[in-house]
Structures are given as C-alpha cells and as structure tokens.
Amino acid sequence: MEQCELVPGRGIRRNRDNTDIFFGMPRMKLREALDYEKPTGDTMWDDEDEYSNGDGDEWLRLRFLDEKLCDIEVLGGHLAHEGIELLATDMPTLRAALKQGGMALEKTEWLSEGHDCIDLQIVVASREDAGDVGEEIAWVITSSDFRVE
C-alpha cells in the first residue's frame, strides 16, 4: 500500500523511496520515477497520468500543463501530514485531527465538491461528497493553482 507525505504548496513525497512528486516537475521525469505503464486503448484525457498499486487499484492521478505537474489527486493508500492521516480515514476523524492541529475543513470554494483545508492547500472529499455513500475519504487533491478567495 502506497504511503505518502503531503508537502503543502509543493506536492507529495512517496515514503517507500523518498520520491518527490512536486509541482512543476517534468512529466517524463515523474513517469520514470513512478514506473508509469501506458494504458492499453484510448485514454480520456491526454494531460493526466494514472498510477495503480501492486494490486491494480488506482492510487494516484497526476495532471499536467505544458508537460509540468500542476495537480495531484491521491485516491488510495495513505497520505499524511505531520502525523495527521488525510486519506485512509473518515470525515469526523479528520475534522477532529485537523482541529487539534489548529486547522479546519470548510465547504470548498475551489472545486465543485469536497472541503478545503486552506492551511494545507488541499481539497478533501468524502464518499458522500463524491456522490456515493459514506464518510470515508474518497480523495485528496492539491494543486499548484490552489486558491481560496
């Protein structure tokens, strides 16, 4: 199972091999570092790469602008920041952990669904936010363009 650390405003770091997945990095460099496997058939978007874990479950989606990383969407595994689990948890637990750290989740102003954590420059969505059932976290997104008015 993939384990990553959030580096707010910069991206994430994969713990297994200390691979930096930082905004502005070239697509080809990331593909080499993350052992990218080109999907068979047509892909819906030519500006994003998807990565699966050893079990074939999707865990990461990277989006690029002019072949430079601009968005990171973590879909599986573990994502933490200073001991706070951001992904393999549920909304009530995450809210409590963030509150204890002096942070909060607010209804997103940046995306169409989810909750912003301005301090960490992320958007977090529960399964319910994403149109499913449940308080478990479905995904965490961070972006070089994260802005909240």
N, C-alpha and C. Protein backbone atom coordinates (compact mmCIF):
# COMPACT_ATOMS: atom_id res chain seq x y z
N MET A 1 0.84 -1.18 0.00
CA MET A 1 0.00 0.00 0.00
C MET A 1 0.89 1.25 0.00
N GLU A 2 0.59 2.17 -0.88
CA GLU A 2 1.39 3.39 -1.01
C GLU A 2 1.21 4.28 0.21
N GLN A 3 2.31 4.85 0.66
CA GLN A 3 2.30 5.80 1.77
C GLN A 3 3.03 7.05 1.34
N CYS A 4 2.34 8.19 1.46
CA CYS A 4 2.91 9.46 1.03
C CYS A 4 2.76 10.50 2.12
N GLU A 5 3.60 11.51 2.04
CA GLU A 5 3.56 12.65 2.95
C GLU A 5 3.22 13.89 2.13
N LEU A 6 2.24 14.67 2.60
CA LEU A 6 1.90 15.92 1.95
C LEU A 6 2.94 16.97 2.31
N VAL A 7 3.41 17.69 1.30
CA VAL A 7 4.28 18.84 1.50
C VAL A 7 3.49 20.04 0.97
N PRO A 8 2.76 20.74 1.87
CA PRO A 8 1.83 21.78 1.43
C PRO A 8 2.49 22.82 0.51
N GLY A 9 1.78 23.10 -0.59
CA GLY A 9 2.25 24.09 -1.54
C GLY A 9 3.29 23.57 -2.52
N ARG A 10 3.80 22.36 -2.28
CA ARG A 10 4.84 21.79 -3.15
C ARG A 10 4.41 20.50 -3.82
N GLY A 11 3.64 19.64 -3.10
CA GLY A 11 3.22 18.35 -3.65
C GLY A 11 3.23 17.28 -2.59
N ILE A 12 3.67 16.07 -2.97
CA ILE A 12 3.73 14.95 -2.03
C ILE A 12 5.07 14.23 -2.20
N ARG A 13 5.41 13.45 -1.19
CA ARG A 13 6.62 12.63 -1.23
C ARG A 13 6.21 11.19 -0.93
N ARG A 14 6.56 10.27 -1.84
CA ARG A 14 6.28 8.85 -1.61
C ARG A 14 7.32 8.32 -0.64
N ASN A 15 6.86 7.74 0.48
CA ASN A 15 7.75 7.32 1.56
C ASN A 15 8.64 6.15 1.20
N ARG A 16 8.12 5.23 0.38
CA ARG A 16 8.85 4.00 0.07
C ARG A 16 10.26 4.28 -0.43
N ASP A 17 10.39 5.26 -1.30
CA ASP A 17 11.69 5.54 -1.90
C ASP A 17 12.04 7.03 -1.89
N ASN A 18 11.33 7.80 -1.05
CA ASN A 18 11.53 9.25 -0.95
C ASN A 18 11.44 9.96 -2.30
N THR A 19 10.52 9.50 -3.15
CA THR A 19 10.32 10.13 -4.45
C THR A 19 9.50 11.39 -4.28
N ASP A 20 10.07 12.52 -4.71
CA ASP A 20 9.33 13.78 -4.70
C ASP A 20 8.40 13.81 -5.90
N ILE A 21 7.16 14.20 -5.64
CA ILE A 21 6.16 14.39 -6.69
C ILE A 21 5.70 15.84 -6.48
N PHE A 22 6.50 16.76 -7.01
CA PHE A 22 6.32 18.18 -6.73
C PHE A 22 5.85 18.93 -7.97
N PHE A 23 5.09 20.00 -7.72
CA PHE A 23 4.58 20.83 -8.80
C PHE A 23 5.73 21.36 -9.64
N GLY A 24 5.48 21.40 -10.95
CA GLY A 24 6.47 21.91 -11.88
C GLY A 24 7.43 20.86 -12.41
N MET A 25 7.40 19.65 -11.81
CA MET A 25 8.30 18.61 -12.29
C MET A 25 7.89 18.15 -13.68
N PRO A 26 8.86 17.81 -14.52
CA PRO A 26 8.55 17.34 -15.87
C PRO A 26 7.84 15.98 -15.85
N ARG A 27 6.89 15.83 -16.74
CA ARG A 27 6.10 14.61 -16.84
C ARG A 27 6.98 13.38 -17.05
N MET A 28 7.95 13.48 -17.95
CA MET A 28 8.81 12.32 -18.24
C MET A 28 9.62 11.89 -17.02
N LYS A 29 10.08 12.84 -16.23
CA LYS A 29 10.84 12.51 -15.02
C LYS A 29 9.95 11.76 -14.02
N LEU A 30 8.72 12.22 -13.86
CA LEU A 30 7.79 11.54 -12.96
C LEU A 30 7.43 10.16 -13.47
N ARG A 31 7.22 10.03 -14.76
CA ARG A 31 6.90 8.72 -15.34
C ARG A 31 8.02 7.73 -15.06
N GLU A 32 9.25 8.16 -15.19
CA GLU A 32 10.39 7.27 -14.91
C GLU A 32 10.44 6.90 -13.43
N ALA A 33 10.29 7.88 -12.57
CA ALA A 33 10.39 7.65 -11.13
C ALA A 33 9.27 6.76 -10.59
N LEU A 34 8.09 6.85 -11.20
CA LEU A 34 6.92 6.12 -10.71
C LEU A 34 6.58 4.89 -11.55
N ASP A 35 7.47 4.50 -12.45
CA ASP A 35 7.28 3.31 -13.29
C ASP A 35 5.93 3.35 -14.02
N TYR A 36 5.72 4.42 -14.75
CA TYR A 36 4.47 4.61 -15.49
C TYR A 36 4.26 3.50 -16.51
N GLU A 37 3.04 2.97 -16.53
CA GLU A 37 2.65 1.98 -17.54
C GLU A 37 1.55 2.60 -18.39
N LYS A 38 1.86 2.77 -19.66
CA LYS A 38 0.89 3.36 -20.58
C LYS A 38 -0.33 2.45 -20.66
N PRO A 39 -1.53 3.03 -20.49
CA PRO A 39 -2.74 2.20 -20.55
C PRO A 39 -2.98 1.67 -21.96
N THR A 40 -3.61 0.52 -22.03
CA THR A 40 -3.98 -0.02 -23.33
C THR A 40 -5.26 0.67 -23.77
N GLY A 41 -5.36 0.96 -25.02
CA GLY A 41 -6.56 1.62 -25.54
C GLY A 41 -6.46 3.13 -25.39
N ASP A 42 -7.57 3.79 -25.67
CA ASP A 42 -7.62 5.24 -25.62
C ASP A 42 -7.80 5.72 -24.19
N THR A 43 -7.20 6.85 -23.88
CA THR A 43 -7.41 7.48 -22.58
C THR A 43 -8.29 8.70 -22.78
N MET A 44 -9.03 9.04 -21.75
CA MET A 44 -9.98 10.14 -21.86
C MET A 44 -9.27 11.50 -21.91
N TRP A 45 -8.21 11.65 -21.15
CA TRP A 45 -7.51 12.92 -21.07
C TRP A 45 -6.03 12.71 -21.39
N ASP A 46 -5.51 13.52 -22.28
CA ASP A 46 -4.10 13.37 -22.62
C ASP A 46 -3.19 14.18 -21.70
N ASP A 47 -3.77 14.94 -20.77
CA ASP A 47 -2.95 15.73 -19.86
C ASP A 47 -2.84 15.12 -18.46
N GLU A 48 -3.26 13.86 -18.31
CA GLU A 48 -3.14 13.23 -16.99
C GLU A 48 -2.63 11.81 -17.10
N ASP A 49 -1.93 11.40 -16.04
CA ASP A 49 -1.41 10.04 -15.91
C ASP A 49 -2.01 9.42 -14.66
N GLU A 50 -2.39 8.16 -14.75
CA GLU A 50 -2.93 7.43 -13.61
C GLU A 50 -1.97 6.32 -13.23
N TYR A 51 -1.86 6.10 -11.92
CA TYR A 51 -0.95 5.08 -11.40
C TYR A 51 -1.73 4.13 -10.50
N SER A 52 -1.39 2.84 -10.59
CA SER A 52 -2.03 1.80 -9.77
C SER A 52 -1.00 1.20 -8.86
N ASN A 53 -1.48 0.62 -7.75
CA ASN A 53 -0.58 -0.08 -6.83
C ASN A 53 -0.38 -1.51 -7.32
N GLY A 54 0.33 -2.31 -6.56
CA GLY A 54 0.62 -3.69 -6.95
C GLY A 54 -0.61 -4.56 -7.12
N ASP A 55 -1.73 -4.19 -6.48
CA ASP A 55 -2.97 -4.95 -6.61
C ASP A 55 -3.82 -4.48 -7.78
N GLY A 56 -3.35 -3.47 -8.49
CA GLY A 56 -4.11 -2.94 -9.63
C GLY A 56 -5.11 -1.87 -9.25
N ASP A 57 -5.13 -1.46 -7.98
CA ASP A 57 -6.04 -0.40 -7.55
C ASP A 57 -5.41 0.96 -7.83
N GLU A 58 -6.21 1.86 -8.41
CA GLU A 58 -5.72 3.20 -8.71
C GLU A 58 -5.40 3.93 -7.40
N TRP A 59 -4.23 4.54 -7.34
CA TRP A 59 -3.86 5.27 -6.12
C TRP A 59 -3.48 6.72 -6.37
N LEU A 60 -3.15 7.07 -7.64
CA LEU A 60 -2.66 8.42 -7.89
C LEU A 60 -3.03 8.86 -9.30
N ARG A 61 -3.45 10.11 -9.41
CA ARG A 61 -3.72 10.72 -10.72
C ARG A 61 -2.97 12.05 -10.75
N LEU A 62 -2.14 12.21 -11.77
CA LEU A 62 -1.35 13.44 -11.92
C LEU A 62 -1.82 14.17 -13.17
N ARG A 63 -1.99 15.49 -13.06
CA ARG A 63 -2.38 16.31 -14.21
C ARG A 63 -1.25 17.27 -14.54
N PHE A 64 -1.12 17.53 -15.83
CA PHE A 64 0.00 18.33 -16.33
C PHE A 64 -0.49 19.49 -17.18
N LEU A 65 0.26 20.57 -17.13
CA LEU A 65 0.06 21.71 -18.01
C LEU A 65 1.40 21.99 -18.66
N ASP A 66 1.44 21.95 -19.97
CA ASP A 66 2.70 22.11 -20.71
C ASP A 66 3.77 21.14 -20.23
N GLU A 67 3.32 19.89 -19.96
CA GLU A 67 4.21 18.79 -19.54
C GLU A 67 4.86 19.00 -18.18
N LYS A 68 4.31 19.92 -17.36
CA LYS A 68 4.79 20.15 -16.00
C LYS A 68 3.64 19.83 -15.04
N LEU A 69 3.96 19.17 -13.91
CA LEU A 69 2.94 18.77 -12.95
C LEU A 69 2.24 19.97 -12.34
N CYS A 70 0.88 19.95 -12.37
CA CYS A 70 0.11 21.04 -11.77
C CYS A 70 -0.92 20.56 -10.75
N ASP A 71 -1.44 19.32 -10.86
CA ASP A 71 -2.44 18.81 -9.91
C ASP A 71 -2.07 17.39 -9.50
N ILE A 72 -2.31 17.10 -8.22
CA ILE A 72 -2.07 15.77 -7.67
C ILE A 72 -3.35 15.32 -6.98
N GLU A 73 -3.87 14.17 -7.40
CA GLU A 73 -5.07 13.61 -6.80
C GLU A 73 -4.70 12.24 -6.22
N VAL A 74 -4.78 12.12 -4.91
CA VAL A 74 -4.44 10.87 -4.24
C VAL A 74 -5.75 10.14 -3.97
N LEU A 75 -5.84 8.90 -4.48
CA LEU A 75 -7.08 8.13 -4.45
C LEU A 75 -7.01 6.89 -3.57
N GLY A 76 -5.82 6.49 -3.17
CA GLY A 76 -5.67 5.27 -2.39
C GLY A 76 -4.40 5.31 -1.56
N GLY A 77 -4.28 4.34 -0.69
CA GLY A 77 -3.12 4.26 0.19
C GLY A 77 -3.26 5.19 1.37
N HIS A 78 -2.13 5.71 1.82
CA HIS A 78 -2.09 6.63 2.96
C HIS A 78 -1.46 7.93 2.52
N LEU A 79 -2.02 9.03 2.98
CA LEU A 79 -1.45 10.35 2.78
C LEU A 79 -1.52 11.06 4.12
N ALA A 80 -0.38 11.50 4.61
CA ALA A 80 -0.34 12.13 5.93
C ALA A 80 0.40 13.46 5.87
N HIS A 81 0.18 14.26 6.90
CA HIS A 81 0.94 15.48 7.10
C HIS A 81 1.16 15.65 8.59
N GLU A 82 2.43 15.65 8.99
CA GLU A 82 2.80 15.81 10.40
C GLU A 82 1.97 14.92 11.32
N GLY A 83 1.85 13.65 10.92
CA GLY A 83 1.16 12.66 11.74
C GLY A 83 -0.35 12.61 11.58
N ILE A 84 -0.92 13.51 10.82
CA ILE A 84 -2.37 13.51 10.58
C ILE A 84 -2.66 12.75 9.29
N GLU A 85 -3.41 11.66 9.40
CA GLU A 85 -3.80 10.88 8.21
C GLU A 85 -4.89 11.65 7.48
N LEU A 86 -4.67 11.91 6.19
CA LEU A 86 -5.59 12.71 5.40
C LEU A 86 -6.50 11.88 4.49
N LEU A 87 -6.12 10.64 4.19
CA LEU A 87 -6.86 9.85 3.20
C LEU A 87 -7.48 8.58 3.78
N ALA A 88 -6.72 7.77 4.46
CA ALA A 88 -7.22 6.49 4.97
C ALA A 88 -7.91 6.73 6.32
N THR A 89 -8.99 7.52 6.26
CA THR A 89 -9.72 7.90 7.46
C THR A 89 -11.14 8.29 7.05
N ASP A 90 -11.87 8.91 7.95
CA ASP A 90 -13.20 9.40 7.62
C ASP A 90 -13.30 10.87 8.02
N MET A 91 -14.35 11.53 7.58
CA MET A 91 -14.50 12.98 7.79
C MET A 91 -14.53 13.36 9.27
N PRO A 92 -15.31 12.70 10.13
CA PRO A 92 -15.31 13.12 11.54
C PRO A 92 -13.92 13.00 12.18
N THR A 93 -13.21 11.92 11.89
CA THR A 93 -11.87 11.73 12.46
C THR A 93 -10.91 12.78 11.91
N LEU A 94 -10.98 13.05 10.62
CA LEU A 94 -10.11 14.04 10.01
C LEU A 94 -10.40 15.43 10.57
N ARG A 95 -11.67 15.79 10.67
CA ARG A 95 -12.02 17.11 11.23
C ARG A 95 -11.44 17.27 12.64
N ALA A 96 -11.57 16.24 13.46
CA ALA A 96 -11.06 16.30 14.83
C ALA A 96 -9.54 16.44 14.86
N ALA A 97 -8.85 15.69 14.02
CA ALA A 97 -7.39 15.76 13.98
C ALA A 97 -6.92 17.13 13.49
N LEU A 98 -7.58 17.65 12.48
CA LEU A 98 -7.21 18.98 11.98
C LEU A 98 -7.49 20.05 13.02
N LYS A 99 -8.62 19.95 13.69
CA LYS A 99 -8.97 20.93 14.73
C LYS A 99 -7.92 20.92 15.83
N GLN A 100 -7.49 19.73 16.23
CA GLN A 100 -6.45 19.61 17.25
C GLN A 100 -5.15 20.28 16.79
N GLY A 101 -4.90 20.28 15.49
CA GLY A 101 -3.71 20.92 14.93
C GLY A 101 -3.93 22.38 14.56
N GLY A 102 -5.09 22.93 14.93
CA GLY A 102 -5.37 24.34 14.65
C GLY A 102 -5.82 24.62 13.23
N MET A 103 -6.33 23.59 12.55
CA MET A 103 -6.78 23.74 11.16
C MET A 103 -8.25 23.32 11.06
N ALA A 104 -8.84 23.59 9.91
CA ALA A 104 -10.26 23.26 9.72
C ALA A 104 -10.53 22.89 8.27
N LEU A 105 -11.67 22.22 8.08
CA LEU A 105 -12.21 21.94 6.75
C LEU A 105 -13.42 22.84 6.55
N GLU A 106 -13.48 23.47 5.38
CA GLU A 106 -14.59 24.33 5.03
C GLU A 106 -15.14 23.88 3.68
N LYS A 107 -16.42 24.12 3.44
CA LYS A 107 -17.00 23.79 2.13
C LYS A 107 -16.12 24.40 1.05
N THR A 108 -15.82 23.64 0.03
CA THR A 108 -14.86 24.09 -0.98
C THR A 108 -15.32 25.32 -1.74
N GLU A 109 -14.38 26.20 -1.99
CA GLU A 109 -14.58 27.33 -2.87
C GLU A 109 -13.81 27.10 -4.16
N TRP A 110 -12.99 26.05 -4.17
CA TRP A 110 -12.05 25.85 -5.27
C TRP A 110 -12.56 24.82 -6.27
N LEU A 111 -13.22 23.77 -5.80
CA LEU A 111 -13.74 22.72 -6.68
C LEU A 111 -15.26 22.65 -6.51
N SER A 112 -15.88 21.79 -7.29
CA SER A 112 -17.34 21.67 -7.21
C SER A 112 -17.80 20.77 -6.08
N GLU A 113 -16.90 19.99 -5.50
CA GLU A 113 -17.26 19.11 -4.38
C GLU A 113 -16.09 18.99 -3.43
N GLY A 114 -16.40 18.66 -2.18
CA GLY A 114 -15.34 18.47 -1.19
C GLY A 114 -15.23 19.62 -0.21
N HIS A 115 -14.15 19.59 0.55
CA HIS A 115 -13.89 20.57 1.60
C HIS A 115 -12.45 21.04 1.53
N ASP A 116 -12.27 22.35 1.62
CA ASP A 116 -10.93 22.94 1.59
C ASP A 116 -10.30 22.90 2.96
N CYS A 117 -9.01 22.60 3.00
CA CYS A 117 -8.19 22.85 4.18
C CYS A 117 -7.16 23.86 3.70
N ILE A 118 -7.45 25.12 3.97
CA ILE A 118 -6.64 26.21 3.46
C ILE A 118 -5.20 26.11 3.95
N ASP A 119 -5.02 25.77 5.22
CA ASP A 119 -3.67 25.68 5.78
C ASP A 119 -2.79 24.66 5.05
N LEU A 120 -3.39 23.57 4.57
CA LEU A 120 -2.64 22.52 3.89
C LEU A 120 -2.72 22.63 2.36
N GLN A 121 -3.53 23.56 1.87
CA GLN A 121 -3.73 23.76 0.43
C GLN A 121 -4.20 22.48 -0.26
N ILE A 122 -5.24 21.87 0.34
CA ILE A 122 -5.82 20.65 -0.21
C ILE A 122 -7.34 20.76 -0.26
N VAL A 123 -7.94 19.92 -1.09
CA VAL A 123 -9.38 19.70 -1.07
C VAL A 123 -9.58 18.22 -0.77
N VAL A 124 -10.45 17.93 0.19
CA VAL A 124 -10.73 16.57 0.64
C VAL A 124 -12.20 16.28 0.36
N ALA A 125 -12.49 15.11 -0.20
CA ALA A 125 -13.88 14.73 -0.44
C ALA A 125 -14.17 13.38 0.20
N SER A 126 -15.29 13.31 0.89
CA SER A 126 -15.76 12.03 1.41
C SER A 126 -16.46 11.29 0.28
N ARG A 127 -16.77 10.04 0.51
CA ARG A 127 -17.53 9.28 -0.49
C ARG A 127 -18.87 9.96 -0.75
N GLU A 128 -19.49 10.47 0.31
CA GLU A 128 -20.76 11.18 0.15
C GLU A 128 -20.60 12.43 -0.72
N ASP A 129 -19.53 13.20 -0.50
CA ASP A 129 -19.26 14.38 -1.33
C ASP A 129 -19.14 14.00 -2.80
N ALA A 130 -18.57 12.82 -3.06
CA ALA A 130 -18.31 12.36 -4.43
C ALA A 130 -19.51 11.62 -5.03
N GLY A 131 -20.66 11.65 -4.34
CA GLY A 131 -21.86 11.05 -4.89
C GLY A 131 -22.13 9.61 -4.48
N ASP A 132 -21.35 9.10 -3.55
CA ASP A 132 -21.51 7.73 -3.06
C ASP A 132 -22.10 7.80 -1.65
N VAL A 133 -21.96 6.75 -0.89
CA VAL A 133 -22.46 6.72 0.47
C VAL A 133 -21.29 6.49 1.41
N GLY A 134 -21.22 7.27 2.48
CA GLY A 134 -20.20 7.04 3.49
C GLY A 134 -19.36 8.26 3.79
N GLU A 135 -18.82 8.27 4.99
CA GLU A 135 -17.99 9.37 5.46
C GLU A 135 -16.50 9.13 5.22
N GLU A 136 -16.14 7.95 4.65
CA GLU A 136 -14.73 7.66 4.38
C GLU A 136 -14.23 8.64 3.33
N ILE A 137 -12.95 8.98 3.41
CA ILE A 137 -12.36 9.90 2.44
C ILE A 137 -12.20 9.18 1.11
N ALA A 138 -12.68 9.81 0.04
CA ALA A 138 -12.60 9.25 -1.32
C ALA A 138 -11.33 9.71 -2.03
N TRP A 139 -10.97 10.97 -1.85
CA TRP A 139 -9.77 11.51 -2.49
C TRP A 139 -9.31 12.79 -1.82
N VAL A 140 -8.04 13.11 -2.08
CA VAL A 140 -7.44 14.37 -1.64
C VAL A 140 -6.75 14.95 -2.86
N ILE A 141 -7.01 16.23 -3.12
CA ILE A 141 -6.38 16.92 -4.25
C ILE A 141 -5.59 18.11 -3.74
N THR A 142 -4.41 18.29 -4.32
CA THR A 142 -3.64 19.50 -4.10
C THR A 142 -3.20 19.99 -5.48
N SER A 143 -3.01 21.29 -5.59
CA SER A 143 -2.73 21.87 -6.89
C SER A 143 -1.80 23.07 -6.77
N SER A 144 -1.03 23.29 -7.81
CA SER A 144 -0.19 24.49 -7.85
C SER A 144 -1.07 25.74 -7.96
N ASP A 145 -2.31 25.57 -8.37
CA ASP A 145 -3.25 26.69 -8.53
C ASP A 145 -4.25 26.81 -7.39
N PHE A 146 -4.01 26.13 -6.27
CA PHE A 146 -4.97 26.18 -5.16
C PHE A 146 -5.13 27.63 -4.70
N ARG A 147 -6.35 28.13 -4.81
CA ARG A 147 -6.64 29.49 -4.37
C ARG A 147 -8.00 29.51 -3.71
N VAL A 148 -8.09 30.24 -2.63
CA VAL A 148 -9.35 30.45 -1.96
C VAL A 148 -9.49 31.95 -1.76
N GLU A 149 -10.62 32.49 -2.19
CA GLU A 149 -10.85 33.96 -2.06
C GLU A 149 -11.07 34.34 -0.63
